[in-house]
Amino acid sequence: MRVRDWQDILADVTDADVDPDGWRAVAGDRRGGLGEDLYLGHPDAGVYALKTYTKNPTELRGVGGRVARRIDEDLEPLLPSQDRGEAGRFAVQSPPEDEDHAETMAKRLEETVKVHSEAPTGPKDFFEDVMDALDSPAFGPMDYEFDGRPDRLDRLREEFEDAEELLSKDLDDLVEEDGVGRGFQ
C-alpha cells in the first residue's frame, strides 16, 4: 500500500469509473489518537482507508491508501448495505466545473425536489435522485458515529492491521509536524 494525501484518495474515488451509488462507508473517531478514521468501499473499485484530523477550523489534513482491490465475501459484511436496511447516507461531491455547470445542476436539483414534493416517494429514492441531479461521483450507505466508533470500524482495523499501523504512523507524524497536539493551531 502506498500512503498518500487524503485528498488524492478522494480524487481516486471521484475519478473511479464505477457505478456512483455502489459506494459504502464506515467512519468514526480515531482509536488512540486525534482525528477520524474513514473506510470507503466499492465492489468494483476496492476499499480505501483514510485518517484525517482538523488542524484548525478551516483546514483538514490526513493520509490514506487503497487497502483492497475488491470487496470479497469476508469484507462485504464489514461495510453497510442498503439491502440490510441501514439508513445512514454519505456522498462525495465534486464542485461544478464552471458557472454554466452550476446553473444546470441547480435547475436539475430544483426539478428533482419539485417532482418529489408532488409524488409519494421515500427517502431512499429522494436521496438517490438528488445525488443523480448533482452528478455525485460516489454515494451510498454509511455507518457513522459522531462521538465514537462503529463496531465495523474496529473490525476493519483488525482486517487491515498493517495498513492501519502505517497510516496511523504517517498521520501522527503530520500532527507532530504541525505542532497541533490535542488542540487547534
C-alpha atoms as a PDB file:
ATOM      1  CA  MET A   1       0.000   0.000   0.000  1.00  0.00           C
ATOM      2  CA  ARG A   2       1.199   3.470  -0.872  1.00  0.00           C
ATOM      3  CA  VAL A   3       0.340   6.203   1.657  1.00  0.00           C
ATOM      4  CA  ARG A   4      -0.886   9.409   0.025  1.00  0.00           C
ATOM      5  CA  ASP A   5      -2.604  12.650   0.938  1.00  0.00           C
ATOM      6  CA  TRP A   6      -6.259  12.123   1.848  1.00  0.00           C
ATOM      7  CA  GLN A   7      -7.402  14.458  -0.928  1.00  0.00           C
ATOM      8  CA  ASP A   8      -5.613  12.295  -3.507  1.00  0.00           C
ATOM      9  CA  ILE A   9      -7.584   9.304  -2.240  1.00  0.00           C
ATOM     10  CA  LEU A  10     -10.870  11.198  -2.598  1.00  0.00           C
ATOM     11  CA  ALA A  11      -9.796  12.185  -6.116  1.00  0.00           C
ATOM     12  CA  ASP A  12      -9.346   8.468  -6.878  1.00  0.00           C
ATOM     13  CA  VAL A  13     -12.864   7.839  -5.575  1.00  0.00           C
ATOM     14  CA  THR A  14     -14.425  10.647  -7.621  1.00  0.00           C
ATOM     15  CA  ASP A  15     -12.488   9.646 -10.747  1.00  0.00           C
ATOM     16  CA  ALA A  16     -13.298   5.934 -10.466  1.00  0.00           C
ATOM     17  CA  ASP A  17     -15.233   4.700 -13.477  1.00  0.00           C
ATOM     18  CA  VAL A  18     -17.780   2.760 -11.406  1.00  0.00           C
ATOM     19  CA  ASP A  19     -21.469   2.969 -10.568  1.00  0.00           C
ATOM     20  CA  PRO A  20     -21.656   6.007  -8.230  1.00  0.00           C
ATOM     21  CA  ASP A  21     -24.312   4.518  -5.939  1.00  0.00           C
ATOM     22  CA  GLY A  22     -22.270   1.381  -5.224  1.00  0.00           C
ATOM     23  CA  TRP A  23     -20.032   3.056  -2.640  1.00  0.00           C
ATOM     24  CA  ARG A  24     -20.285   2.304   1.073  1.00  0.00           C
ATOM     25  CA  ALA A  25     -18.587   3.945   4.044  1.00  0.00           C
ATOM     26  CA  VAL A  26     -17.762   3.451   7.712  1.00  0.00           C
ATOM     27  CA  ALA A  27     -16.382   6.288   9.853  1.00  0.00           C
ATOM     28  CA  GLY A  28     -15.853   7.391  13.413  1.00  0.00           C
ATOM     29  CA  ASP A  29     -13.348   8.649  15.940  1.00  0.00           C
ATOM     30  CA  ARG A  30      -9.761   7.521  15.528  1.00  0.00           C
ATOM     31  CA  ARG A  31      -8.715   4.995  18.114  1.00  0.00           C
ATOM     32  CA  GLY A  32      -5.826   6.166  20.258  1.00  0.00           C
ATOM     33  CA  GLY A  33      -5.273   9.489  18.560  1.00  0.00           C
ATOM     34  CA  LEU A  34      -6.515  12.760  17.249  1.00  0.00           C
ATOM     35  CA  GLY A  35      -8.923  12.702  14.303  1.00  0.00           C
ATOM     36  CA  GLU A  36     -11.205  10.314  12.490  1.00  0.00           C
ATOM     37  CA  ASP A  37     -10.998   7.068  10.530  1.00  0.00           C
ATOM     38  CA  LEU A  38     -12.926   6.529   7.307  1.00  0.00           C
ATOM     39  CA  TYR A  39     -13.233   3.480   5.056  1.00  0.00           C
ATOM     40  CA  LEU A  40     -14.785   3.821   1.596  1.00  0.00           C
ATOM     41  CA  GLY A  41     -15.545   0.722  -0.439  1.00  0.00           C
ATOM     42  CA  HIS A  42     -16.989  -0.222  -3.813  1.00  0.00           C
ATOM     43  CA  PRO A  43     -17.232  -3.756  -5.259  1.00  0.00           C
ATOM     44  CA  ASP A  44     -15.512  -2.673  -8.497  1.00  0.00           C
ATOM     45  CA  ALA A  45     -13.049  -0.105  -7.070  1.00  0.00           C
ATOM     46  CA  GLY A  46     -11.852  -1.718  -3.851  1.00  0.00           C
ATOM     47  CA  VAL A  47     -11.511  -0.367  -0.339  1.00  0.00           C
ATOM     48  CA  TYR A  48      -9.789   2.853   0.717  1.00  0.00           C
ATOM     49  CA  ALA A  49      -8.766   3.828   4.264  1.00  0.00           C
ATOM     50  CA  LEU A  50      -8.360   7.453   5.322  1.00  0.00           C
ATOM     51  CA  LYS A  51      -7.197   9.038   8.559  1.00  0.00           C
ATOM     52  CA  THR A  52      -7.818  12.753   8.986  1.00  0.00           C
ATOM     53  CA  TYR A  53      -7.666  15.430  11.654  1.00  0.00           C
ATOM     54  CA  THR A  54      -8.651  19.068  11.862  1.00  0.00           C
ATOM     55  CA  LYS A  55      -5.511  21.211  12.011  1.00  0.00           C
ATOM     56  CA  ASN A  56      -7.631  24.315  12.576  1.00  0.00           C
ATOM     57  CA  PRO A  57     -11.274  25.211  11.905  1.00  0.00           C
ATOM     58  CA  THR A  58     -10.597  25.713   8.184  1.00  0.00           C
ATOM     59  CA  GLU A  59      -8.029  23.027   7.400  1.00  0.00           C
ATOM     60  CA  LEU A  60      -8.427  19.270   7.355  1.00  0.00           C
ATOM     61  CA  ARG A  61      -5.277  17.177   6.963  1.00  0.00           C
ATOM     62  CA  GLY A  62      -4.788  13.472   6.561  1.00  0.00           C
ATOM     63  CA  VAL A  63      -3.455  10.420   4.806  1.00  0.00           C
ATOM     64  CA  GLY A  64      -4.945   7.412   3.093  1.00  0.00           C
ATOM     65  CA  GLY A  65      -4.390   4.461   0.844  1.00  0.00           C
ATOM     66  CA  ARG A  66      -6.080   1.693  -1.065  1.00  0.00           C
ATOM     67  CA  VAL A  67      -6.191  -1.329   1.224  1.00  0.00           C
ATOM     68  CA  ALA A  68      -8.042  -3.815  -1.004  1.00  0.00           C
ATOM     69  CA  ARG A  69      -8.613  -4.133  -4.743  1.00  0.00           C
ATOM     70  CA  ARG A  70     -12.112  -5.552  -4.325  1.00  0.00           C
ATOM     71  CA  ILE A  71     -14.754  -6.340  -1.734  1.00  0.00           C
ATOM     72  CA  ASP A  72     -14.765 -10.086  -1.181  1.00  0.00           C
ATOM     73  CA  GLU A  73     -17.127 -12.206   0.932  1.00  0.00           C
ATOM     74  CA  ASP A  74     -15.050 -11.510   4.072  1.00  0.00           C
ATOM     75  CA  LEU A  75     -15.174  -7.723   3.641  1.00  0.00           C
ATOM     76  CA  GLU A  76     -18.785  -7.428   2.453  1.00  0.00           C
ATOM     77  CA  PRO A  77     -20.394  -7.706   5.934  1.00  0.00           C
ATOM     78  CA  LEU A  78     -17.968  -5.106   7.313  1.00  0.00           C
ATOM     79  CA  LEU A  79     -19.450  -2.397   5.075  1.00  0.00           C
ATOM     80  CA  PRO A  80     -23.037  -1.117   5.340  1.00  0.00           C
ATOM     81  CA  SER A  81     -25.647  -2.157   2.809  1.00  0.00           C
ATOM     82  CA  GLN A  82     -28.936  -0.786   1.522  1.00  0.00           C
ATOM     83  CA  ASP A  83     -30.175  -4.361   1.304  1.00  0.00           C
ATOM     84  CA  ARG A  84     -29.812  -4.754   5.074  1.00  0.00           C
ATOM     85  CA  GLY A  85     -31.854  -1.593   5.687  1.00  0.00           C
ATOM     86  CA  GLU A  86     -29.008   0.521   7.070  1.00  0.00           C
ATOM     87  CA  ALA A  87     -30.189   4.098   6.817  1.00  0.00           C
ATOM     88  CA  GLY A  88     -27.122   6.374   7.144  1.00  0.00           C
ATOM     89  CA  ARG A  89     -26.002   8.073   3.912  1.00  0.00           C
ATOM     90  CA  PHE A  90     -22.909   9.839   2.584  1.00  0.00           C
ATOM     91  CA  ALA A  91     -21.800  11.456  -0.647  1.00  0.00           C
ATOM     92  CA  VAL A  92     -18.560  12.672  -2.161  1.00  0.00           C
ATOM     93  CA  GLN A  93     -19.147  15.760  -4.262  1.00  0.00           C
ATOM     94  CA  SER A  94     -17.078  17.430  -6.948  1.00  0.00           C
ATOM     95  CA  PRO A  95     -17.501  21.185  -7.405  1.00  0.00           C
ATOM     96  CA  PRO A  96     -19.184  22.434 -10.593  1.00  0.00           C
ATOM     97  CA  GLU A  97     -16.774  22.948 -13.471  1.00  0.00           C
ATOM     98  CA  ASP A  98     -17.994  26.484 -14.196  1.00  0.00           C
ATOM     99  CA  GLU A  99     -20.974  28.791 -13.772  1.00  0.00           C
ATOM    100  CA  ASP A 100     -22.985  27.123 -16.557  1.00  0.00           C
ATOM    101  CA  HIS A 101     -22.482  23.705 -14.980  1.00  0.00           C
ATOM    102  CA  ALA A 102     -23.533  25.106 -11.572  1.00  0.00           C
ATOM    103  CA  GLU A 103     -26.720  26.552 -13.076  1.00  0.00           C
ATOM    104  CA  THR A 104     -27.520  23.255 -14.809  1.00  0.00           C
ATOM    105  CA  MET A 105     -27.031  21.348 -11.555  1.00  0.00           C
ATOM    106  CA  ALA A 106     -29.223  23.844  -9.669  1.00  0.00           C
ATOM    107  CA  LYS A 107     -32.036  23.501 -12.232  1.00  0.00           C
ATOM    108  CA  ARG A 108     -31.875  19.689 -12.096  1.00  0.00           C
ATOM    109  CA  LEU A 109     -31.897  19.800  -8.306  1.00  0.00           C
ATOM    110  CA  GLU A 110     -34.889  22.163  -8.280  1.00  0.00           C
ATOM    111  CA  GLU A 111     -36.813  19.867 -10.639  1.00  0.00           C
ATOM    112  CA  THR A 112     -35.930  16.819  -8.552  1.00  0.00           C
ATOM    113  CA  VAL A 113     -37.195  18.437  -5.361  1.00  0.00           C
ATOM    114  CA  LYS A 114     -40.365  19.569  -7.144  1.00  0.00           C
ATOM    115  CA  VAL A 115     -41.088  16.079  -8.510  1.00  0.00           C
ATOM    116  CA  HIS A 116     -40.570  14.504  -5.095  1.00  0.00           C
ATOM    117  CA  SER A 117     -42.788  17.078  -3.387  1.00  0.00           C
ATOM    118  CA  GLU A 118     -45.621  16.147  -5.748  1.00  0.00           C
ATOM    119  CA  ALA A 119     -45.149  12.369  -5.749  1.00  0.00           C
ATOM    120  CA  PRO A 120     -45.292   9.843  -2.919  1.00  0.00           C
ATOM    121  CA  THR A 121     -41.664   8.682  -2.796  1.00  0.00           C
ATOM    122  CA  GLY A 122     -39.439   7.521   0.038  1.00  0.00           C
ATOM    123  CA  PRO A 123     -36.219   8.937   1.480  1.00  0.00           C
ATOM    124  CA  LYS A 124     -34.027   6.406  -0.363  1.00  0.00           C
ATOM    125  CA  ASP A 125     -35.457   7.406  -3.757  1.00  0.00           C
ATOM    126  CA  PHE A 126     -35.191  11.101  -2.909  1.00  0.00           C
ATOM    127  CA  PHE A 127     -31.545  10.778  -1.831  1.00  0.00           C
ATOM    128  CA  GLU A 128     -30.582   8.840  -4.960  1.00  0.00           C
ATOM    129  CA  ASP A 129     -32.374  11.288  -7.259  1.00  0.00           C
ATOM    130  CA  VAL A 130     -30.708  14.277  -5.572  1.00  0.00           C
ATOM    131  CA  MET A 131     -27.295  12.615  -5.954  1.00  0.00           C
ATOM    132  CA  ASP A 132     -28.041  11.991  -9.637  1.00  0.00           C
ATOM    133  CA  ALA A 133     -29.145  15.611 -10.105  1.00  0.00           C
ATOM    134  CA  LEU A 134     -25.875  16.812  -8.557  1.00  0.00           C
ATOM    135  CA  ASP A 135     -23.758  14.376 -10.600  1.00  0.00           C
ATOM    136  CA  SER A 136     -22.338  12.907  -7.392  1.00  0.00           C
ATOM    137  CA  PRO A 137     -19.475  10.552  -8.304  1.00  0.00           C
ATOM    138  CA  ALA A 138     -19.817   8.489  -5.105  1.00  0.00           C
ATOM    139  CA  PHE A 139     -22.656   7.953  -2.649  1.00  0.00           C
ATOM    140  CA  GLY A 140     -24.317   5.258  -0.636  1.00  0.00           C
ATOM    141  CA  PRO A 141     -24.996   3.865   2.819  1.00  0.00           C
ATOM    142  CA  MET A 142     -22.777   4.844   5.737  1.00  0.00           C
ATOM    143  CA  ASP A 143     -22.211   3.614   9.259  1.00  0.00           C
ATOM    144  CA  TYR A 144     -21.018   6.631  11.266  1.00  0.00           C
ATOM    145  CA  GLU A 145     -20.792   7.556  14.927  1.00  0.00           C
ATOM    146  CA  PHE A 146     -20.143  11.214  15.667  1.00  0.00           C
ATOM    147  CA  ASP A 147     -18.813  10.659  19.194  1.00  0.00           C
ATOM    148  CA  GLY A 148     -17.498   7.129  18.910  1.00  0.00           C
ATOM    149  CA  ARG A 149     -16.581   4.234  16.674  1.00  0.00           C
ATOM    150  CA  PRO A 150     -18.958   1.822  14.963  1.00  0.00           C
ATOM    151  CA  ASP A 151     -18.107  -1.826  15.685  1.00  0.00           C
ATOM    152  CA  ARG A 152     -17.445  -2.263  11.961  1.00  0.00           C
ATOM    153  CA  LEU A 153     -14.618   0.266  12.154  1.00  0.00           C
ATOM    154  CA  ASP A 154     -12.794  -1.878  14.702  1.00  0.00           C
ATOM    155  CA  ARG A 155     -13.350  -4.995  12.606  1.00  0.00           C
ATOM    156  CA  LEU A 156     -11.968  -3.201   9.514  1.00  0.00           C
ATOM    157  CA  ARG A 157      -8.995  -2.066  11.611  1.00  0.00           C
ATOM    158  CA  GLU A 158      -8.295  -5.698  12.506  1.00  0.00           C
ATOM    159  CA  GLU A 159      -8.713  -6.791   8.880  1.00  0.00           C
ATOM    160  CA  PHE A 160      -6.198  -4.202   7.640  1.00  0.00           C
ATOM    161  CA  GLU A 161      -3.876  -4.136  10.659  1.00  0.00           C
ATOM    162  CA  ASP A 162      -0.651  -3.475   8.703  1.00  0.00           C
ATOM    163  CA  ALA A 163      -2.217  -0.629   6.716  1.00  0.00           C
ATOM    164  CA  GLU A 164      -3.702   0.831   9.904  1.00  0.00           C
ATOM    165  CA  GLU A 165      -0.290   0.922  11.576  1.00  0.00           C
ATOM    166  CA  LEU A 166       1.320   2.589   8.572  1.00  0.00           C
ATOM    167  CA  LEU A 167      -1.446   5.178   8.164  1.00  0.00           C
ATOM    168  CA  SER A 168      -1.512   5.907  11.916  1.00  0.00           C
ATOM    169  CA  LYS A 169       2.242   6.480  11.958  1.00  0.00           C
ATOM    170  CA  ASP A 170       2.057   8.865   8.997  1.00  0.00           C
ATOM    171  CA  LEU A 171      -0.889  10.767  10.487  1.00  0.00           C
ATOM    172  CA  ASP A 172       0.875  11.009  13.857  1.00  0.00           C
ATOM    173  CA  ASP A 173       3.907  12.440  12.010  1.00  0.00           C
ATOM    174  CA  LEU A 174       1.648  15.063  10.366  1.00  0.00           C
ATOM    175  CA  VAL A 175       0.143  16.016  13.721  1.00  0.00           C
ATOM    176  CA  GLU A 176       3.604  16.323  15.260  1.00  0.00           C
ATOM    177  CA  GLU A 177       4.987  18.340  12.320  1.00  0.00           C
ATOM    178  CA  ASP A 178       2.018  20.698  12.563  1.00  0.00           C
ATOM    179  CA  GLY A 179       2.569  21.101  16.305  1.00  0.00           C
ATOM    180  CA  VAL A 180      -1.128  20.621  16.907  1.00  0.00           C
ATOM    181  CA  GLY A 181      -1.136  18.082  19.718  1.00  0.00           C
ATOM    182  CA  ARG A 182      -4.660  17.998  21.072  1.00  0.00           C
ATOM    183  CA  GLY A 183      -5.866  21.464  20.100  1.00  0.00           C
ATOM    184  CA  PHE A 184      -6.300  23.722  17.108  1.00  0.00           C
ATOM    185  CA  GLN A 185      -3.422  25.684  15.667  1.00  0.00           C
END
